[in-house]
Amino acid sequence: MTKLKLSRISDDKPVKVTIELPAAIHGDLVAYAEVLARESQQEISDPLKLIAPMIARFMINDRAFNKMRKMNGNPQ
């Protein structure tokens, strides 16, 4: 079985953001949600809810971003 980068999706207080996605990326997002739902046994009612955890994971793993963040006094 594959090991996805995302795990269960937490329920957090949302901030409304509107974006436009290319159709191919939206299709990939839907496919990712289907695989994640199978692996985590968690229903993914809206694949768009994956965008925030994907962005968060990307930023957590961006070494240059985290280095700059620490240099600017914001170590979160």
PDB file of N, CA and C in Angstrom:
ATOM      1  N   MET A   1       0.832  -1.170   0.000  1.00  0.00           N
ATOM      2  CA  MET A   1       0.000   0.000   0.000  1.00  0.00           C
ATOM      3  C   MET A   1       0.888   1.248   0.000  1.00  0.00           C
ATOM      4  N   THR A   2       0.470   2.273  -0.719  1.00  0.00           N
ATOM      5  CA  THR A   2       1.246   3.500  -0.794  1.00  0.00           C
ATOM      6  C   THR A   2       1.141   4.296   0.497  1.00  0.00           C
ATOM      7  N   LYS A   3       2.119   5.128   0.738  1.00  0.00           N
ATOM      8  CA  LYS A   3       2.122   6.004   1.912  1.00  0.00           C
ATOM      9  C   LYS A   3       1.927   7.426   1.411  1.00  0.00           C
ATOM     10  N   LEU A   4       0.742   7.968   1.635  1.00  0.00           N
ATOM     11  CA  LEU A   4       0.447   9.323   1.194  1.00  0.00           C
ATOM     12  C   LEU A   4       1.081  10.341   2.124  1.00  0.00           C
ATOM     13  N   LYS A   5       1.312  11.541   1.627  1.00  0.00           N
ATOM     14  CA  LYS A   5       1.890  12.616   2.423  1.00  0.00           C
ATOM     15  C   LYS A   5       0.908  13.153   3.447  1.00  0.00           C
ATOM     16  N   LEU A   6      -0.398  13.061   3.167  1.00  0.00           N
ATOM     17  CA  LEU A   6      -1.408  13.544   4.093  1.00  0.00           C
ATOM     18  C   LEU A   6      -1.975  12.394   4.888  1.00  0.00           C
ATOM     19  N   SER A   7      -2.432  12.708   6.081  1.00  0.00           N
ATOM     20  CA  SER A   7      -3.127  11.711   6.888  1.00  0.00           C
ATOM     21  C   SER A   7      -4.534  12.241   7.148  1.00  0.00           C
ATOM     22  N   ARG A   8      -5.137  11.874   8.249  1.00  0.00           N
ATOM     23  CA  ARG A   8      -6.490  12.322   8.541  1.00  0.00           C
ATOM     24  C   ARG A   8      -6.548  13.846   8.539  1.00  0.00           C
ATOM     25  N   ILE A   9      -7.674  14.380   8.108  1.00  0.00           N
ATOM     26  CA  ILE A   9      -7.868  15.821   8.014  1.00  0.00           C
ATOM     27  C   ILE A   9      -8.501  16.312   9.310  1.00  0.00           C
ATOM     28  N   SER A  10      -7.834  17.278   9.962  1.00  0.00           N
ATOM     29  CA  SER A  10      -8.385  17.811  11.206  1.00  0.00           C
ATOM     30  C   SER A  10      -9.468  18.837  10.905  1.00  0.00           C
ATOM     31  N   ASP A  11     -10.360  18.982  11.855  1.00  0.00           N
ATOM     32  CA  ASP A  11     -11.451  19.945  11.723  1.00  0.00           C
ATOM     33  C   ASP A  11     -11.019  21.207  12.446  1.00  0.00           C
ATOM     34  N   ASP A  12     -10.660  22.234  11.696  1.00  0.00           N
ATOM     35  CA  ASP A  12     -10.129  23.468  12.250  1.00  0.00           C
ATOM     36  C   ASP A  12     -11.024  24.629  11.852  1.00  0.00           C
ATOM     37  N   LYS A  13     -10.911  25.744  12.555  1.00  0.00           N
ATOM     38  CA  LYS A  13     -11.699  26.929  12.216  1.00  0.00           C
ATOM     39  C   LYS A  13     -11.234  27.455  10.857  1.00  0.00           C
ATOM     40  N   PRO A  14     -12.122  27.471   9.879  1.00  0.00           N
ATOM     41  CA  PRO A  14     -11.716  27.867   8.523  1.00  0.00           C
ATOM     42  C   PRO A  14     -11.709  29.377   8.293  1.00  0.00           C
ATOM     43  N   VAL A  15     -10.930  29.773   7.320  1.00  0.00           N
ATOM     44  CA  VAL A  15     -10.918  31.123   6.778  1.00  0.00           C
ATOM     45  C   VAL A  15     -11.299  30.983   5.323  1.00  0.00           C
ATOM     46  N   LYS A  16     -12.283  31.711   4.880  1.00  0.00           N
ATOM     47  CA  LYS A  16     -12.795  31.579   3.513  1.00  0.00           C
ATOM     48  C   LYS A  16     -11.791  32.160   2.510  1.00  0.00           C
ATOM     49  N   VAL A  17     -11.438  31.350   1.506  1.00  0.00           N
ATOM     50  CA  VAL A  17     -10.542  31.748   0.427  1.00  0.00           C
ATOM     51  C   VAL A  17     -11.140  31.221  -0.869  1.00  0.00           C
ATOM     52  N   THR A  18     -11.122  32.025  -1.904  1.00  0.00           N
ATOM     53  CA  THR A  18     -11.630  31.594  -3.200  1.00  0.00           C
ATOM     54  C   THR A  18     -10.455  31.520  -4.172  1.00  0.00           C
ATOM     55  N   ILE A  19     -10.321  30.359  -4.847  1.00  0.00           N
ATOM     56  CA  ILE A  19      -9.263  30.193  -5.842  1.00  0.00           C
ATOM     57  C   ILE A  19      -9.836  29.512  -7.081  1.00  0.00           C
ATOM     58  N   GLU A  20      -9.119  29.633  -8.168  1.00  0.00           N
ATOM     59  CA  GLU A  20      -9.450  28.905  -9.391  1.00  0.00           C
ATOM     60  C   GLU A  20      -8.340  27.898  -9.636  1.00  0.00           C
ATOM     61  N   LEU A  21      -8.728  26.664  -9.934  1.00  0.00           N
ATOM     62  CA  LEU A  21      -7.770  25.609 -10.217  1.00  0.00           C
ATOM     63  C   LEU A  21      -7.901  25.170 -11.659  1.00  0.00           C
ATOM     64  N   PRO A  22      -6.791  24.845 -12.303  1.00  0.00           N
ATOM     65  CA  PRO A  22      -6.889  24.220 -13.616  1.00  0.00           C
ATOM     66  C   PRO A  22      -7.640  22.890 -13.490  1.00  0.00           C
ATOM     67  N   ALA A  23      -8.365  22.524 -14.520  1.00  0.00           N
ATOM     68  CA  ALA A  23      -9.170  21.302 -14.495  1.00  0.00           C
ATOM     69  C   ALA A  23      -8.323  20.072 -14.174  1.00  0.00           C
ATOM     70  N   ALA A  24      -7.116  20.011 -14.683  1.00  0.00           N
ATOM     71  CA  ALA A  24      -6.253  18.848 -14.438  1.00  0.00           C
ATOM     72  C   ALA A  24      -5.890  18.735 -12.955  1.00  0.00           C
ATOM     73  N   ILE A  25      -5.619  19.863 -12.316  1.00  0.00           N
ATOM     74  CA  ILE A  25      -5.286  19.834 -10.892  1.00  0.00           C
ATOM     75  C   ILE A  25      -6.518  19.449 -10.074  1.00  0.00           C
ATOM     76  N   HIS A  26      -7.667  19.958 -10.456  1.00  0.00           N
ATOM     77  CA  HIS A  26      -8.891  19.583  -9.745  1.00  0.00           C
ATOM     78  C   HIS A  26      -9.130  18.074  -9.871  1.00  0.00           C
ATOM     79  N   GLY A  27      -8.928  17.543 -11.059  1.00  0.00           N
ATOM     80  CA  GLY A  27      -9.083  16.097 -11.258  1.00  0.00           C
ATOM     81  C   GLY A  27      -8.122  15.298 -10.392  1.00  0.00           C
ATOM     82  N   ASP A  28      -6.870  15.769 -10.307  1.00  0.00           N
ATOM     83  CA  ASP A  28      -5.885  15.100  -9.448  1.00  0.00           C
ATOM     84  C   ASP A  28      -6.285  15.201  -7.982  1.00  0.00           C
ATOM     85  N   LEU A  29      -6.840  16.321  -7.596  1.00  0.00           N
ATOM     86  CA  LEU A  29      -7.283  16.514  -6.221  1.00  0.00           C
ATOM     87  C   LEU A  29      -8.417  15.543  -5.875  1.00  0.00           C
ATOM     88  N   VAL A  30      -9.343  15.369  -6.793  1.00  0.00           N
ATOM     89  CA  VAL A  30     -10.443  14.419  -6.597  1.00  0.00           C
ATOM     90  C   VAL A  30      -9.885  12.999  -6.480  1.00  0.00           C
ATOM     91  N   ALA A  31      -8.950  12.648  -7.348  1.00  0.00           N
ATOM     92  CA  ALA A  31      -8.345  11.311  -7.301  1.00  0.00           C
ATOM     93  C   ALA A  31      -7.584  11.108  -5.996  1.00  0.00           C
ATOM     94  N   TYR A  32      -6.855  12.115  -5.558  1.00  0.00           N
ATOM     95  CA  TYR A  32      -6.114  12.031  -4.300  1.00  0.00           C
ATOM     96  C   TYR A  32      -7.082  11.814  -3.139  1.00  0.00           C
ATOM     97  N   ALA A  33      -8.191  12.542  -3.142  1.00  0.00           N
ATOM     98  CA  ALA A  33      -9.199  12.399  -2.087  1.00  0.00           C
ATOM     99  C   ALA A  33      -9.750  10.975  -2.049  1.00  0.00           C
ATOM    100  N   GLU A  34      -9.958  10.376  -3.199  1.00  0.00           N
ATOM    101  CA  GLU A  34     -10.467   8.999  -3.262  1.00  0.00           C
ATOM    102  C   GLU A  34      -9.469   8.023  -2.647  1.00  0.00           C
ATOM    103  N   VAL A  35      -8.194   8.184  -2.978  1.00  0.00           N
ATOM    104  CA  VAL A  35      -7.162   7.291  -2.432  1.00  0.00           C
ATOM    105  C   VAL A  35      -7.033   7.518  -0.926  1.00  0.00           C
ATOM    106  N   LEU A  36      -7.022   8.768  -0.509  1.00  0.00           N
ATOM    107  CA  LEU A  36      -6.902   9.088   0.911  1.00  0.00           C
ATOM    108  C   LEU A  36      -8.084   8.534   1.702  1.00  0.00           C
ATOM    109  N   ALA A  37      -9.268   8.626   1.147  1.00  0.00           N
ATOM    110  CA  ALA A  37     -10.458   8.099   1.818  1.00  0.00           C
ATOM    111  C   ALA A  37     -10.333   6.596   2.031  1.00  0.00           C
ATOM    112  N   ARG A  38      -9.823   5.899   1.019  1.00  0.00           N
ATOM    113  CA  ARG A  38      -9.638   4.447   1.150  1.00  0.00           C
ATOM    114  C   ARG A  38      -8.588   4.119   2.208  1.00  0.00           C
ATOM    115  N   GLU A  39      -7.465   4.846   2.183  1.00  0.00           N
ATOM    116  CA  GLU A  39      -6.362   4.533   3.099  1.00  0.00           C
ATOM    117  C   GLU A  39      -6.655   4.922   4.538  1.00  0.00           C
ATOM    118  N   SER A  40      -7.349   6.016   4.742  1.00  0.00           N
ATOM    119  CA  SER A  40      -7.586   6.504   6.103  1.00  0.00           C
ATOM    120  C   SER A  40      -8.926   6.056   6.670  1.00  0.00           C
ATOM    121  N   GLN A  41      -9.742   5.433   5.833  1.00  0.00           N
ATOM    122  CA  GLN A  41     -11.106   5.055   6.217  1.00  0.00           C
ATOM    123  C   GLN A  41     -11.869   6.265   6.758  1.00  0.00           C
ATOM    124  N   GLN A  42     -11.605   7.419   6.152  1.00  0.00           N
ATOM    125  CA  GLN A  42     -12.273   8.665   6.510  1.00  0.00           C
ATOM    126  C   GLN A  42     -12.947   9.191   5.255  1.00  0.00           C
ATOM    127  N   GLU A  43     -14.235   9.434   5.333  1.00  0.00           N
ATOM    128  CA  GLU A  43     -14.941   9.955   4.169  1.00  0.00           C
ATOM    129  C   GLU A  43     -14.452  11.374   3.868  1.00  0.00           C
ATOM    130  N   ILE A  44     -14.118  11.618   2.617  1.00  0.00           N
ATOM    131  CA  ILE A  44     -13.718  12.951   2.163  1.00  0.00           C
ATOM    132  C   ILE A  44     -14.889  13.494   1.354  1.00  0.00           C
ATOM    133  N   SER A  45     -15.744  14.266   2.006  1.00  0.00           N
ATOM    134  CA  SER A  45     -16.951  14.752   1.342  1.00  0.00           C
ATOM    135  C   SER A  45     -16.655  15.843   0.320  1.00  0.00           C
ATOM    136  N   ASP A  46     -15.572  16.587   0.546  1.00  0.00           N
ATOM    137  CA  ASP A  46     -15.220  17.682  -0.359  1.00  0.00           C
ATOM    138  C   ASP A  46     -13.713  17.661  -0.595  1.00  0.00           C
ATOM    139  N   PRO A  47     -13.261  17.255  -1.781  1.00  0.00           N
ATOM    140  CA  PRO A  47     -11.825  17.193  -2.059  1.00  0.00           C
ATOM    141  C   PRO A  47     -11.112  18.531  -1.870  1.00  0.00           C
ATOM    142  N   LEU A  48     -11.837  19.626  -1.965  1.00  0.00           N
ATOM    143  CA  LEU A  48     -11.205  20.937  -1.791  1.00  0.00           C
ATOM    144  C   LEU A  48     -10.693  21.136  -0.371  1.00  0.00           C
ATOM    145  N   LYS A  49     -11.199  20.357   0.577  1.00  0.00           N
ATOM    146  CA  LYS A  49     -10.718  20.450   1.954  1.00  0.00           C
ATOM    147  C   LYS A  49      -9.297  19.918   2.094  1.00  0.00           C
ATOM    148  N   LEU A  50      -8.785  19.280   1.058  1.00  0.00           N
ATOM    149  CA  LEU A  50      -7.410  18.788   1.081  1.00  0.00           C
ATOM    150  C   LEU A  50      -6.395  19.896   0.791  1.00  0.00           C
ATOM    151  N   ILE A  51      -6.854  20.973   0.192  1.00  0.00           N
ATOM    152  CA  ILE A  51      -5.927  22.030  -0.229  1.00  0.00           C
ATOM    153  C   ILE A  51      -5.169  22.610   0.958  1.00  0.00           C
ATOM    154  N   ALA A  52      -5.859  22.951   2.043  1.00  0.00           N
ATOM    155  CA  ALA A  52      -5.186  23.554   3.205  1.00  0.00           C
ATOM    156  C   ALA A  52      -4.130  22.627   3.804  1.00  0.00           C
ATOM    157  N   PRO A  53      -4.442  21.337   4.075  1.00  0.00           N
ATOM    158  CA  PRO A  53      -3.385  20.480   4.619  1.00  0.00           C
ATOM    159  C   PRO A  53      -2.233  20.262   3.645  1.00  0.00           C
ATOM    160  N   MET A  54      -2.522  20.273   2.347  1.00  0.00           N
ATOM    161  CA  MET A  54      -1.447  20.120   1.360  1.00  0.00           C
ATOM    162  C   MET A  54      -0.518  21.334   1.391  1.00  0.00           C
ATOM    163  N   ILE A  55      -1.100  22.519   1.454  1.00  0.00           N
ATOM    164  CA  ILE A  55      -0.286  23.732   1.524  1.00  0.00           C
ATOM    165  C   ILE A  55       0.507  23.758   2.822  1.00  0.00           C
ATOM    166  N   ALA A  56      -0.137  23.401   3.932  1.00  0.00           N
ATOM    167  CA  ALA A  56       0.554  23.383   5.227  1.00  0.00           C
ATOM    168  C   ALA A  56       1.735  22.423   5.195  1.00  0.00           C
ATOM    169  N   ARG A  57       1.522  21.232   4.644  1.00  0.00           N
ATOM    170  CA  ARG A  57       2.605  20.246   4.581  1.00  0.00           C
ATOM    171  C   ARG A  57       3.743  20.747   3.690  1.00  0.00           C
ATOM    172  N   PHE A  58       3.378  21.380   2.594  1.00  0.00           N
ATOM    173  CA  PHE A  58       4.388  21.939   1.699  1.00  0.00           C
ATOM    174  C   PHE A  58       5.247  22.962   2.449  1.00  0.00           C
ATOM    175  N   MET A  59       4.603  23.863   3.189  1.00  0.00           N
ATOM    176  CA  MET A  59       5.350  24.909   3.899  1.00  0.00           C
ATOM    177  C   MET A  59       6.184  24.336   5.037  1.00  0.00           C
ATOM    178  N   ILE A  60       5.664  23.322   5.733  1.00  0.00           N
ATOM    179  CA  ILE A  60       6.428  22.696   6.814  1.00  0.00           C
ATOM    180  C   ILE A  60       7.717  22.083   6.277  1.00  0.00           C
ATOM    181  N   ASN A  61       7.666  21.553   5.075  1.00  0.00           N
ATOM    182  CA  ASN A  61       8.823  20.867   4.492  1.00  0.00           C
ATOM    183  C   ASN A  61       9.702  21.758   3.632  1.00  0.00           C
ATOM    184  N   ASP A  62       9.381  23.036   3.531  1.00  0.00           N
ATOM    185  CA  ASP A  62      10.189  23.960   2.736  1.00  0.00           C
ATOM    186  C   ASP A  62      11.288  24.538   3.630  1.00  0.00           C
ATOM    187  N   ARG A  63      12.480  24.019   3.502  1.00  0.00           N
ATOM    188  CA  ARG A  63      13.591  24.419   4.367  1.00  0.00           C
ATOM    189  C   ARG A  63      13.926  25.897   4.239  1.00  0.00           C
ATOM    190  N   ALA A  64      13.934  26.409   3.028  1.00  0.00           N
ATOM    191  CA  ALA A  64      14.275  27.821   2.829  1.00  0.00           C
ATOM    192  C   ALA A  64      13.240  28.724   3.505  1.00  0.00           C
ATOM    193  N   PHE A  65      11.973  28.377   3.367  1.00  0.00           N
ATOM    194  CA  PHE A  65      10.911  29.151   4.000  1.00  0.00           C
ATOM    195  C   PHE A  65      11.070  29.134   5.513  1.00  0.00           C
ATOM    196  N   ASN A  66      11.297  27.964   6.078  1.00  0.00           N
ATOM    197  CA  ASN A  66      11.435  27.850   7.525  1.00  0.00           C
ATOM    198  C   ASN A  66      12.682  28.560   8.038  1.00  0.00           C
ATOM    199  N   LYS A  67      13.742  28.538   7.289  1.00  0.00           N
ATOM    200  CA  LYS A  67      14.958  29.253   7.673  1.00  0.00           C
ATOM    201  C   LYS A  67      14.693  30.755   7.706  1.00  0.00           C
ATOM    202  N   MET A  68      14.037  31.274   6.672  1.00  0.00           N
ATOM    203  CA  MET A  68      13.718  32.700   6.630  1.00  0.00           C
ATOM    204  C   MET A  68      12.752  33.071   7.755  1.00  0.00           C
ATOM    205  N   ARG A  69      11.824  32.208   8.028  1.00  0.00           N
ATOM    206  CA  ARG A  69      10.849  32.458   9.091  1.00  0.00           C
ATOM    207  C   ARG A  69      11.549  32.581  10.445  1.00  0.00           C
ATOM    208  N   LYS A  70      12.502  31.702  10.713  1.00  0.00           N
ATOM    209  CA  LYS A  70      13.261  31.754  11.962  1.00  0.00           C
ATOM    210  C   LYS A  70      14.111  33.002  12.027  1.00  0.00           C
ATOM    211  N   MET A  71      14.696  33.389  10.903  1.00  0.00           N
ATOM    212  CA  MET A  71      15.535  34.590  10.870  1.00  0.00           C
ATOM    213  C   MET A  71      14.697  35.847  11.129  1.00  0.00           C
ATOM    214  N   ASN A  72      13.440  35.830  10.750  1.00  0.00           N
ATOM    215  CA  ASN A  72      12.549  36.979  10.952  1.00  0.00           C
ATOM    216  C   ASN A  72      11.865  36.946  12.303  1.00  0.00           C
ATOM    217  N   GLY A  73      12.220  35.993  13.169  1.00  0.00           N
ATOM    218  CA  GLY A  73      11.671  35.938  14.509  1.00  0.00           C
ATOM    219  C   GLY A  73      10.294  35.312  14.615  1.00  0.00           C
ATOM    220  N   ASN A  74       9.885  34.534  13.614  1.00  0.00           N
ATOM    221  CA  ASN A  74       8.599  33.861  13.644  1.00  0.00           C
ATOM    222  C   ASN A  74       8.835  32.359  13.494  1.00  0.00           C
ATOM    223  N   PRO A  75       9.226  31.671  14.569  1.00  0.00           N
ATOM    224  CA  PRO A  75       9.622  30.271  14.454  1.00  0.00           C
ATOM    225  C   PRO A  75       8.507  29.257  14.358  1.00  0.00           C
ATOM    226  N   GLN A  76       7.279  29.650  14.256  1.00  0.00           N
ATOM    227  CA  GLN A  76       6.172  28.692  14.230  1.00  0.00           C
ATOM    228  C   GLN A  76       6.417  27.738  13.152  1.00  0.00           C
TER     229      GLN A  76
END
